[in-house]
Amino acid sequence: MNVKDLLDLKGKVILVSGGAGSYGKSIVEGLGEAGGTVITASRNLTNGQAVAQAFRAKGLDVHAMQVDQGIHESVLSLKTKILKSFGKLDVFVNNAVARPMKGYEDSIENFAESMRINATGMMDILREMCDLLGKNGGGSVINISSMMGMYGPDLSNYEGTDMGNPPPDYFFHNGGLINLTRYLAKLMAGKNIRVNCVSPGGLFNNQPVRFLENYNKKVPVGRLANHDDIKGLMVLLASDAGAYINGENILMDGGLNA
């Protein structure tokens, strides 16, 4: 098959949780540009609708739905709406995350809240969306983790800034998600469901100049990620071009950890 056909997502229904966030919008845009019908789902429906409307104005087939992955009934409601509105699900991009914890010294209650959403809630939505994929004969799950799930923090990046220490829950749940990816890839054997993970490095978001100087000098490509960098990888994993990639965690950090 021609590689352009392998990468074509036309006819595929794709759910992106947290699709109104920084990486989320890039993911939604890339999958829509490849021809997919993309649903962005997050707690704030108004934000999701604004994102969907902006992409539809560019000719992309993007829709918005509401979900709070920390609430089981909300996850089930999303599942029902997808089936009713689109009749199937082909790809689930598991991207939503909450960040209630602000640093190492933050309250243990905020750590527990993070686990409720980012661990228990994430498992809940993964299980329900895998069920939808299975009923459609298979598909692709793409978990969005972070290089912070693979390595400890480089605290020298924060020297000369007031950014503080990164919160521990972020490292905890992203590390767990990487191995959960491997678990699900094995568990879904025979169901035609591939499960992979992407672990991005830092995304440029107007961080303090000193942080950018500290960080960029360590990256072989000389910069943080931009909004286009993740698009091609997402299309590959969502499409037939990635049909033999399964159970992998792909580090996307510009060579920082090479």
C-alpha atoms as a PDB file:
ATOM      1  CA  MET A   1       0.000   0.000   0.000  1.00  0.00           C
ATOM      2  CA  ASN A   2       1.198   3.518  -0.764  1.00  0.00           C
ATOM      3  CA  VAL A   3       2.573   5.247   2.326  1.00  0.00           C
ATOM      4  CA  LYS A   4       0.187   8.166   1.867  1.00  0.00           C
ATOM      5  CA  ASP A   5      -2.713   5.726   2.077  1.00  0.00           C
ATOM      6  CA  LEU A   6      -1.204   4.066   5.142  1.00  0.00           C
ATOM      7  CA  LEU A   7      -1.074   7.433   6.909  1.00  0.00           C
ATOM      8  CA  ASP A   8      -4.571   8.507   5.866  1.00  0.00           C
ATOM      9  CA  LEU A   9      -7.011   8.715   8.800  1.00  0.00           C
ATOM     10  CA  LYS A  10     -10.123   9.318   6.732  1.00  0.00           C
ATOM     11  CA  GLY A  11     -13.062   7.349   8.141  1.00  0.00           C
ATOM     12  CA  LYS A  12     -11.433   6.921  11.576  1.00  0.00           C
ATOM     13  CA  VAL A  13     -13.186   8.279  14.677  1.00  0.00           C
ATOM     14  CA  ILE A  14     -10.621   9.504  17.191  1.00  0.00           C
ATOM     15  CA  LEU A  15     -11.089  10.601  20.791  1.00  0.00           C
ATOM     16  CA  VAL A  16      -8.511  12.936  22.356  1.00  0.00           C
ATOM     17  CA  SER A  17      -9.028  13.500  26.069  1.00  0.00           C
ATOM     18  CA  GLY A  18      -7.673  16.840  27.227  1.00  0.00           C
ATOM     19  CA  GLY A  19      -7.785  18.057  23.634  1.00  0.00           C
ATOM     20  CA  ALA A  20      -8.043  21.727  24.622  1.00  0.00           C
ATOM     21  CA  GLY A  21      -4.657  21.716  26.406  1.00  0.00           C
ATOM     22  CA  SER A  22      -1.247  22.733  25.092  1.00  0.00           C
ATOM     23  CA  TYR A  23      -0.200  19.398  23.564  1.00  0.00           C
ATOM     24  CA  GLY A  24      -3.848  18.406  23.184  1.00  0.00           C
ATOM     25  CA  LYS A  25      -4.642  21.069  20.622  1.00  0.00           C
ATOM     26  CA  SER A  26      -1.629  20.094  18.538  1.00  0.00           C
ATOM     27  CA  ILE A  27      -2.675  16.445  18.666  1.00  0.00           C
ATOM     28  CA  VAL A  28      -6.247  17.256  17.643  1.00  0.00           C
ATOM     29  CA  GLU A  29      -5.027  19.442  14.799  1.00  0.00           C
ATOM     30  CA  GLY A  30      -2.561  16.873  13.458  1.00  0.00           C
ATOM     31  CA  LEU A  31      -5.059  14.012  13.510  1.00  0.00           C
ATOM     32  CA  GLY A  32      -7.680  16.230  11.872  1.00  0.00           C
ATOM     33  CA  GLU A  33      -5.229  17.335   9.183  1.00  0.00           C
ATOM     34  CA  ALA A  34      -4.624  13.646   8.402  1.00  0.00           C
ATOM     35  CA  GLY A  35      -8.345  13.239   7.670  1.00  0.00           C
ATOM     36  CA  GLY A  36      -9.651  11.887  10.964  1.00  0.00           C
ATOM     37  CA  THR A  37     -12.936  12.716  12.641  1.00  0.00           C
ATOM     38  CA  VAL A  38     -11.658  13.989  15.976  1.00  0.00           C
ATOM     39  CA  ILE A  39     -13.510  14.384  19.276  1.00  0.00           C
ATOM     40  CA  THR A  40     -11.897  16.540  21.933  1.00  0.00           C
ATOM     41  CA  ALA A  41     -13.173  15.800  25.443  1.00  0.00           C
ATOM     42  CA  SER A  42     -12.415  17.614  28.698  1.00  0.00           C
ATOM     43  CA  ARG A  43     -14.116  18.897  31.833  1.00  0.00           C
ATOM     44  CA  ASN A  44     -14.623  22.380  30.404  1.00  0.00           C
ATOM     45  CA  LEU A  45     -17.013  21.928  27.498  1.00  0.00           C
ATOM     46  CA  THR A  46     -16.917  25.637  26.623  1.00  0.00           C
ATOM     47  CA  ASN A  47     -13.164  25.520  26.008  1.00  0.00           C
ATOM     48  CA  GLY A  48     -13.533  22.320  24.024  1.00  0.00           C
ATOM     49  CA  GLN A  49     -16.231  23.813  21.841  1.00  0.00           C
ATOM     50  CA  ALA A  50     -14.077  26.858  21.133  1.00  0.00           C
ATOM     51  CA  VAL A  51     -11.202  24.597  20.043  1.00  0.00           C
ATOM     52  CA  ALA A  52     -13.496  22.496  17.867  1.00  0.00           C
ATOM     53  CA  GLN A  53     -15.065  25.562  16.262  1.00  0.00           C
ATOM     54  CA  ALA A  54     -11.657  27.067  15.459  1.00  0.00           C
ATOM     55  CA  PHE A  55     -10.510  23.851  13.779  1.00  0.00           C
ATOM     56  CA  ARG A  56     -13.785  23.429  11.867  1.00  0.00           C
ATOM     57  CA  ALA A  57     -13.222  26.924  10.486  1.00  0.00           C
ATOM     58  CA  LYS A  58      -9.989  25.524   9.007  1.00  0.00           C
ATOM     59  CA  GLY A  59     -11.912  22.674   7.382  1.00  0.00           C
ATOM     60  CA  LEU A  60     -11.112  19.998   9.966  1.00  0.00           C
ATOM     61  CA  ASP A  61     -13.743  17.557  11.236  1.00  0.00           C
ATOM     62  CA  VAL A  62     -13.481  18.269  14.976  1.00  0.00           C
ATOM     63  CA  HIS A  63     -16.175  17.933  17.651  1.00  0.00           C
ATOM     64  CA  ALA A  64     -16.309  18.614  21.384  1.00  0.00           C
ATOM     65  CA  MET A  65     -17.745  16.531  24.219  1.00  0.00           C
ATOM     66  CA  GLN A  66     -17.565  16.807  28.003  1.00  0.00           C
ATOM     67  CA  VAL A  67     -15.943  14.338  30.372  1.00  0.00           C
ATOM     68  CA  ASP A  68     -14.585  14.372  33.901  1.00  0.00           C
ATOM     69  CA  GLN A  69     -12.398  11.279  34.043  1.00  0.00           C
ATOM     70  CA  GLY A  70     -12.431  11.420  37.839  1.00  0.00           C
ATOM     71  CA  ILE A  71     -16.134  10.559  37.793  1.00  0.00           C
ATOM     72  CA  HIS A  72     -17.108   7.099  36.528  1.00  0.00           C
ATOM     73  CA  GLU A  73     -20.595   8.173  35.459  1.00  0.00           C
ATOM     74  CA  SER A  74     -19.114  10.949  33.327  1.00  0.00           C
ATOM     75  CA  VAL A  75     -16.817   8.457  31.581  1.00  0.00           C
ATOM     76  CA  LEU A  76     -19.761   6.159  30.869  1.00  0.00           C
ATOM     77  CA  SER A  77     -21.778   9.106  29.556  1.00  0.00           C
ATOM     78  CA  LEU A  78     -18.984  10.006  27.132  1.00  0.00           C
ATOM     79  CA  LYS A  79     -18.816   6.400  25.955  1.00  0.00           C
ATOM     80  CA  THR A  80     -22.559   6.384  25.263  1.00  0.00           C
ATOM     81  CA  LYS A  81     -22.428   9.728  23.412  1.00  0.00           C
ATOM     82  CA  ILE A  82     -19.593   8.600  21.165  1.00  0.00           C
ATOM     83  CA  LEU A  83     -21.454   5.445  20.218  1.00  0.00           C
ATOM     84  CA  LYS A  84     -24.695   7.355  19.624  1.00  0.00           C
ATOM     85  CA  SER A  85     -23.119  10.193  17.627  1.00  0.00           C
ATOM     86  CA  PHE A  86     -20.465   8.322  15.623  1.00  0.00           C
ATOM     87  CA  GLY A  87     -21.316   4.634  15.942  1.00  0.00           C
ATOM     88  CA  LYS A  88     -17.769   3.541  16.770  1.00  0.00           C
ATOM     89  CA  LEU A  89     -14.332   4.492  18.065  1.00  0.00           C
ATOM     90  CA  ASP A  90     -11.092   3.704  16.194  1.00  0.00           C
ATOM     91  CA  VAL A  91      -8.440   5.574  18.192  1.00  0.00           C
ATOM     92  CA  PHE A  92      -8.187   6.825  21.766  1.00  0.00           C
ATOM     93  CA  VAL A  93      -5.504   9.370  22.662  1.00  0.00           C
ATOM     94  CA  ASN A  94      -5.265   9.314  26.452  1.00  0.00           C
ATOM     95  CA  ASN A  95      -3.972  12.825  27.087  1.00  0.00           C
ATOM     96  CA  ALA A  96      -6.011  14.418  29.906  1.00  0.00           C
ATOM     97  CA  VAL A  97      -4.219  15.278  33.128  1.00  0.00           C
ATOM     98  CA  ALA A  98      -4.975  17.272  36.263  1.00  0.00           C
ATOM     99  CA  ARG A  99      -2.252  19.054  38.200  1.00  0.00           C
ATOM    100  CA  PRO A 100      -3.541  19.789  41.711  1.00  0.00           C
ATOM    101  CA  MET A 101      -0.101  19.354  43.305  1.00  0.00           C
ATOM    102  CA  LYS A 102       2.248  22.330  42.997  1.00  0.00           C
ATOM    103  CA  GLY A 103       5.497  21.040  44.520  1.00  0.00           C
ATOM    104  CA  TYR A 104       7.193  18.574  46.858  1.00  0.00           C
ATOM    105  CA  GLU A 105       5.917  20.309  50.009  1.00  0.00           C
ATOM    106  CA  ASP A 106       2.290  20.514  48.834  1.00  0.00           C
ATOM    107  CA  SER A 107      -0.373  18.726  50.857  1.00  0.00           C
ATOM    108  CA  ILE A 108      -0.781  14.962  50.708  1.00  0.00           C
ATOM    109  CA  GLU A 109      -4.464  15.589  50.013  1.00  0.00           C
ATOM    110  CA  ASN A 110      -3.483  17.144  46.686  1.00  0.00           C
ATOM    111  CA  PHE A 111      -1.352  14.084  45.924  1.00  0.00           C
ATOM    112  CA  ALA A 112      -4.396  11.908  46.619  1.00  0.00           C
ATOM    113  CA  GLU A 113      -6.575  14.089  44.376  1.00  0.00           C
ATOM    114  CA  SER A 114      -4.022  13.753  41.596  1.00  0.00           C
ATOM    115  CA  MET A 115      -4.104   9.958  41.921  1.00  0.00           C
ATOM    116  CA  ARG A 116      -7.917   9.954  41.889  1.00  0.00           C
ATOM    117  CA  ILE A 117      -7.897  11.609  38.476  1.00  0.00           C
ATOM    118  CA  ASN A 118      -4.539  10.689  36.949  1.00  0.00           C
ATOM    119  CA  ALA A 119      -4.350   7.075  38.134  1.00  0.00           C
ATOM    120  CA  THR A 120      -7.786   5.695  39.041  1.00  0.00           C
ATOM    121  CA  GLY A 121      -9.666   7.941  36.610  1.00  0.00           C
ATOM    122  CA  MET A 122      -7.163   7.294  33.838  1.00  0.00           C
ATOM    123  CA  MET A 123      -7.534   3.532  34.283  1.00  0.00           C
ATOM    124  CA  ASP A 124     -11.297   3.928  34.189  1.00  0.00           C
ATOM    125  CA  ILE A 125     -11.395   5.841  30.894  1.00  0.00           C
ATOM    126  CA  LEU A 126      -8.777   3.542  29.337  1.00  0.00           C
ATOM    127  CA  ARG A 127     -10.810   0.472  30.189  1.00  0.00           C
ATOM    128  CA  GLU A 128     -14.079   1.916  28.881  1.00  0.00           C
ATOM    129  CA  MET A 129     -12.558   3.222  25.640  1.00  0.00           C
ATOM    130  CA  CYS A 130     -10.751  -0.081  25.050  1.00  0.00           C
ATOM    131  CA  ASP A 131     -14.164  -1.705  25.321  1.00  0.00           C
ATOM    132  CA  LEU A 132     -15.445   0.596  22.553  1.00  0.00           C
ATOM    133  CA  LEU A 133     -12.427  -0.186  20.381  1.00  0.00           C
ATOM    134  CA  GLY A 134     -12.952  -3.897  20.918  1.00  0.00           C
ATOM    135  CA  LYS A 135     -16.594  -3.693  19.864  1.00  0.00           C
ATOM    136  CA  ASN A 136     -15.422  -2.031  16.642  1.00  0.00           C
ATOM    137  CA  GLY A 137     -12.976  -4.848  15.883  1.00  0.00           C
ATOM    138  CA  GLY A 138      -9.889  -3.133  17.249  1.00  0.00           C
ATOM    139  CA  GLY A 139      -7.960   0.093  16.996  1.00  0.00           C
ATOM    140  CA  SER A 140      -5.174   2.101  18.568  1.00  0.00           C
ATOM    141  CA  VAL A 141      -4.617   3.540  22.050  1.00  0.00           C
ATOM    142  CA  ILE A 142      -1.980   6.250  22.432  1.00  0.00           C
ATOM    143  CA  ASN A 143      -1.061   7.190  25.987  1.00  0.00           C
ATOM    144  CA  ILE A 144       0.600  10.559  26.520  1.00  0.00           C
ATOM    145  CA  SER A 145       3.155  10.332  29.310  1.00  0.00           C
ATOM    146  CA  SER A 146       6.293  12.455  29.709  1.00  0.00           C
ATOM    147  CA  MET A 147      10.042  12.087  29.782  1.00  0.00           C
ATOM    148  CA  MET A 148       9.480  12.870  33.490  1.00  0.00           C
ATOM    149  CA  GLY A 149       8.008   9.383  33.753  1.00  0.00           C
ATOM    150  CA  MET A 150      11.344   7.949  32.614  1.00  0.00           C
ATOM    151  CA  TYR A 151      13.906  10.093  34.409  1.00  0.00           C
ATOM    152  CA  GLY A 152      14.303  12.045  37.594  1.00  0.00           C
ATOM    153  CA  PRO A 153      14.144  15.845  37.393  1.00  0.00           C
ATOM    154  CA  ASP A 154      17.172  17.859  36.249  1.00  0.00           C
ATOM    155  CA  LEU A 155      16.915  20.535  38.895  1.00  0.00           C
ATOM    156  CA  SER A 156      19.654  22.598  37.260  1.00  0.00           C
ATOM    157  CA  ASN A 157      17.046  23.641  34.680  1.00  0.00           C
ATOM    158  CA  TYR A 158      15.352  25.704  37.394  1.00  0.00           C
ATOM    159  CA  GLU A 159      18.471  27.543  38.583  1.00  0.00           C
ATOM    160  CA  GLY A 160      17.993  31.293  38.476  1.00  0.00           C
ATOM    161  CA  THR A 161      14.190  31.029  38.243  1.00  0.00           C
ATOM    162  CA  ASP A 162      11.367  31.091  40.783  1.00  0.00           C
ATOM    163  CA  MET A 163       9.670  28.041  39.229  1.00  0.00           C
ATOM    164  CA  GLY A 164      10.316  25.843  42.283  1.00  0.00           C
ATOM    165  CA  ASN A 165      10.673  22.075  42.383  1.00  0.00           C
ATOM    166  CA  PRO A 166       8.449  19.982  40.078  1.00  0.00           C
ATOM    167  CA  PRO A 167       5.593  18.113  41.820  1.00  0.00           C
ATOM    168  CA  PRO A 168       6.194  14.414  42.632  1.00  0.00           C
ATOM    169  CA  ASP A 169       2.771  13.177  41.517  1.00  0.00           C
ATOM    170  CA  TYR A 170       3.630  14.048  37.910  1.00  0.00           C
ATOM    171  CA  PHE A 171       6.639  11.708  37.975  1.00  0.00           C
ATOM    172  CA  PHE A 172       4.662   9.020  39.792  1.00  0.00           C
ATOM    173  CA  HIS A 173       1.687   8.734  37.485  1.00  0.00           C
ATOM    174  CA  ASN A 174       3.643   9.214  34.247  1.00  0.00           C
ATOM    175  CA  GLY A 175       6.053   6.446  35.216  1.00  0.00           C
ATOM    176  CA  GLY A 176       3.114   4.186  35.983  1.00  0.00           C
ATOM    177  CA  LEU A 177       1.424   5.013  32.686  1.00  0.00           C
ATOM    178  CA  ILE A 178       4.451   3.844  30.704  1.00  0.00           C
ATOM    179  CA  ASN A 179       4.349   0.382  32.248  1.00  0.00           C
ATOM    180  CA  LEU A 180       0.545   0.292  32.117  1.00  0.00           C
ATOM    181  CA  THR A 181       0.986   0.718  28.351  1.00  0.00           C
ATOM    182  CA  ARG A 182       3.021  -2.491  28.219  1.00  0.00           C
ATOM    183  CA  TYR A 183       0.479  -4.290  30.395  1.00  0.00           C
ATOM    184  CA  LEU A 184      -2.432  -3.294  28.161  1.00  0.00           C
ATOM    185  CA  ALA A 185      -0.563  -4.188  24.974  1.00  0.00           C
ATOM    186  CA  LYS A 186      -0.195  -7.746  26.281  1.00  0.00           C
ATOM    187  CA  LEU A 187      -3.719  -7.878  27.715  1.00  0.00           C
ATOM    188  CA  MET A 188      -5.248  -6.786  24.403  1.00  0.00           C
ATOM    189  CA  ALA A 189      -3.423  -9.483  22.435  1.00  0.00           C
ATOM    190  CA  GLY A 190      -5.816 -11.097  19.966  1.00  0.00           C
ATOM    191  CA  LYS A 191      -8.264  -8.161  20.109  1.00  0.00           C
ATOM    192  CA  ASN A 192      -6.551  -6.126  17.357  1.00  0.00           C
ATOM    193  CA  ILE A 193      -5.965  -3.251  19.801  1.00  0.00           C
ATOM    194  CA  ARG A 194      -2.495  -1.717  19.786  1.00  0.00           C
ATOM    195  CA  VAL A 195      -1.392   0.273  22.845  1.00  0.00           C
ATOM    196  CA  ASN A 196       1.563   2.638  22.693  1.00  0.00           C
ATOM    197  CA  CYS A 197       2.904   5.560  24.674  1.00  0.00           C
ATOM    198  CA  VAL A 198       4.547   8.871  23.760  1.00  0.00           C
ATOM    199  CA  SER A 199       6.783  10.602  26.307  1.00  0.00           C
ATOM    200  CA  PRO A 200       7.400  14.187  25.194  1.00  0.00           C
ATOM    201  CA  GLY A 201      10.034  16.512  26.584  1.00  0.00           C
ATOM    202  CA  GLY A 202       9.356  20.157  27.327  1.00  0.00           C
ATOM    203  CA  LEU A 203       6.958  22.136  25.150  1.00  0.00           C
ATOM    204  CA  PHE A 204       7.722  25.812  24.597  1.00  0.00           C
ATOM    205  CA  ASN A 205       5.169  27.846  26.519  1.00  0.00           C
ATOM    206  CA  ASN A 206       6.853  31.204  27.144  1.00  0.00           C
ATOM    207  CA  GLN A 207       8.826  29.881  30.109  1.00  0.00           C
ATOM    208  CA  PRO A 208      11.217  32.242  31.921  1.00  0.00           C
ATOM    209  CA  VAL A 209      14.257  33.201  29.842  1.00  0.00           C
ATOM    210  CA  ARG A 210      16.687  31.668  32.338  1.00  0.00           C
ATOM    211  CA  PHE A 211      14.860  28.332  32.223  1.00  0.00           C
ATOM    212  CA  LEU A 212      14.984  28.346  28.424  1.00  0.00           C
ATOM    213  CA  GLU A 213      18.704  29.067  28.487  1.00  0.00           C
ATOM    214  CA  ASN A 214      19.343  26.286  31.011  1.00  0.00           C
ATOM    215  CA  TYR A 215      17.225  23.762  29.128  1.00  0.00           C
ATOM    216  CA  ASN A 216      17.986  24.510  25.490  1.00  0.00           C
ATOM    217  CA  LYS A 217      21.770  24.261  25.815  1.00  0.00           C
ATOM    218  CA  LYS A 218      21.345  20.596  26.840  1.00  0.00           C
ATOM    219  CA  VAL A 219      19.151  19.636  23.862  1.00  0.00           C
ATOM    220  CA  PRO A 220      21.006  18.568  20.684  1.00  0.00           C
ATOM    221  CA  VAL A 221      18.363  20.249  18.488  1.00  0.00           C
ATOM    222  CA  GLY A 222      18.736  23.390  20.609  1.00  0.00           C
ATOM    223  CA  ARG A 223      15.154  24.064  21.639  1.00  0.00           C
ATOM    224  CA  LEU A 224      12.013  22.888  23.385  1.00  0.00           C
ATOM    225  CA  ALA A 225       9.321  21.183  21.328  1.00  0.00           C
ATOM    226  CA  ASN A 226       6.974  23.294  19.228  1.00  0.00           C
ATOM    227  CA  HIS A 227       3.346  22.623  18.437  1.00  0.00           C
ATOM    228  CA  ASP A 228       4.063  20.730  15.204  1.00  0.00           C
ATOM    229  CA  ASP A 229       6.615  18.298  16.612  1.00  0.00           C
ATOM    230  CA  ILE A 230       4.139  15.788  17.994  1.00  0.00           C
ATOM    231  CA  LYS A 231       1.787  15.691  14.996  1.00  0.00           C
ATOM    232  CA  GLY A 232       3.601  13.212  12.762  1.00  0.00           C
ATOM    233  CA  LEU A 233       4.218  10.729  15.552  1.00  0.00           C
ATOM    234  CA  MET A 234       0.536  10.789  16.531  1.00  0.00           C
ATOM    235  CA  VAL A 235      -0.590  10.185  12.942  1.00  0.00           C
ATOM    236  CA  LEU A 236       1.867   7.294  12.637  1.00  0.00           C
ATOM    237  CA  LEU A 237       0.592   5.564  15.791  1.00  0.00           C
ATOM    238  CA  ALA A 238      -3.069   6.196  14.943  1.00  0.00           C
ATOM    239  CA  SER A 239      -2.807   4.991  11.356  1.00  0.00           C
ATOM    240  CA  ASP A 240      -2.174   1.751   9.489  1.00  0.00           C
ATOM    241  CA  ALA A 241       1.409   2.956   8.973  1.00  0.00           C
ATOM    242  CA  GLY A 242       1.995   2.063  12.631  1.00  0.00           C
ATOM    243  CA  ALA A 243       0.250  -1.313  12.483  1.00  0.00           C
ATOM    244  CA  TYR A 244       3.315  -3.224  13.749  1.00  0.00           C
ATOM    245  CA  ILE A 245       4.211  -0.808  16.550  1.00  0.00           C
ATOM    246  CA  ASN A 246       2.779  -2.095  19.815  1.00  0.00           C
ATOM    247  CA  GLY A 247       3.647  -1.866  23.498  1.00  0.00           C
ATOM    248  CA  GLU A 248       6.239   0.862  22.894  1.00  0.00           C
ATOM    249  CA  ASN A 249       7.132   4.019  24.767  1.00  0.00           C
ATOM    250  CA  ILE A 250       8.568   6.599  22.360  1.00  0.00           C
ATOM    251  CA  LEU A 251      10.711   9.336  23.875  1.00  0.00           C
ATOM    252  CA  MET A 252      10.292  12.636  21.999  1.00  0.00           C
ATOM    253  CA  ASP A 253      12.769  15.033  23.604  1.00  0.00           C
ATOM    254  CA  GLY A 254      15.001  16.399  20.845  1.00  0.00           C
ATOM    255  CA  GLY A 255      17.856  14.166  22.001  1.00  0.00           C
ATOM    256  CA  LEU A 256      18.015  15.583  25.537  1.00  0.00           C
ATOM    257  CA  ASN A 257      18.342  12.145  27.110  1.00  0.00           C
ATOM    258  CA  ALA A 258      20.347  10.509  24.314  1.00  0.00           C
END
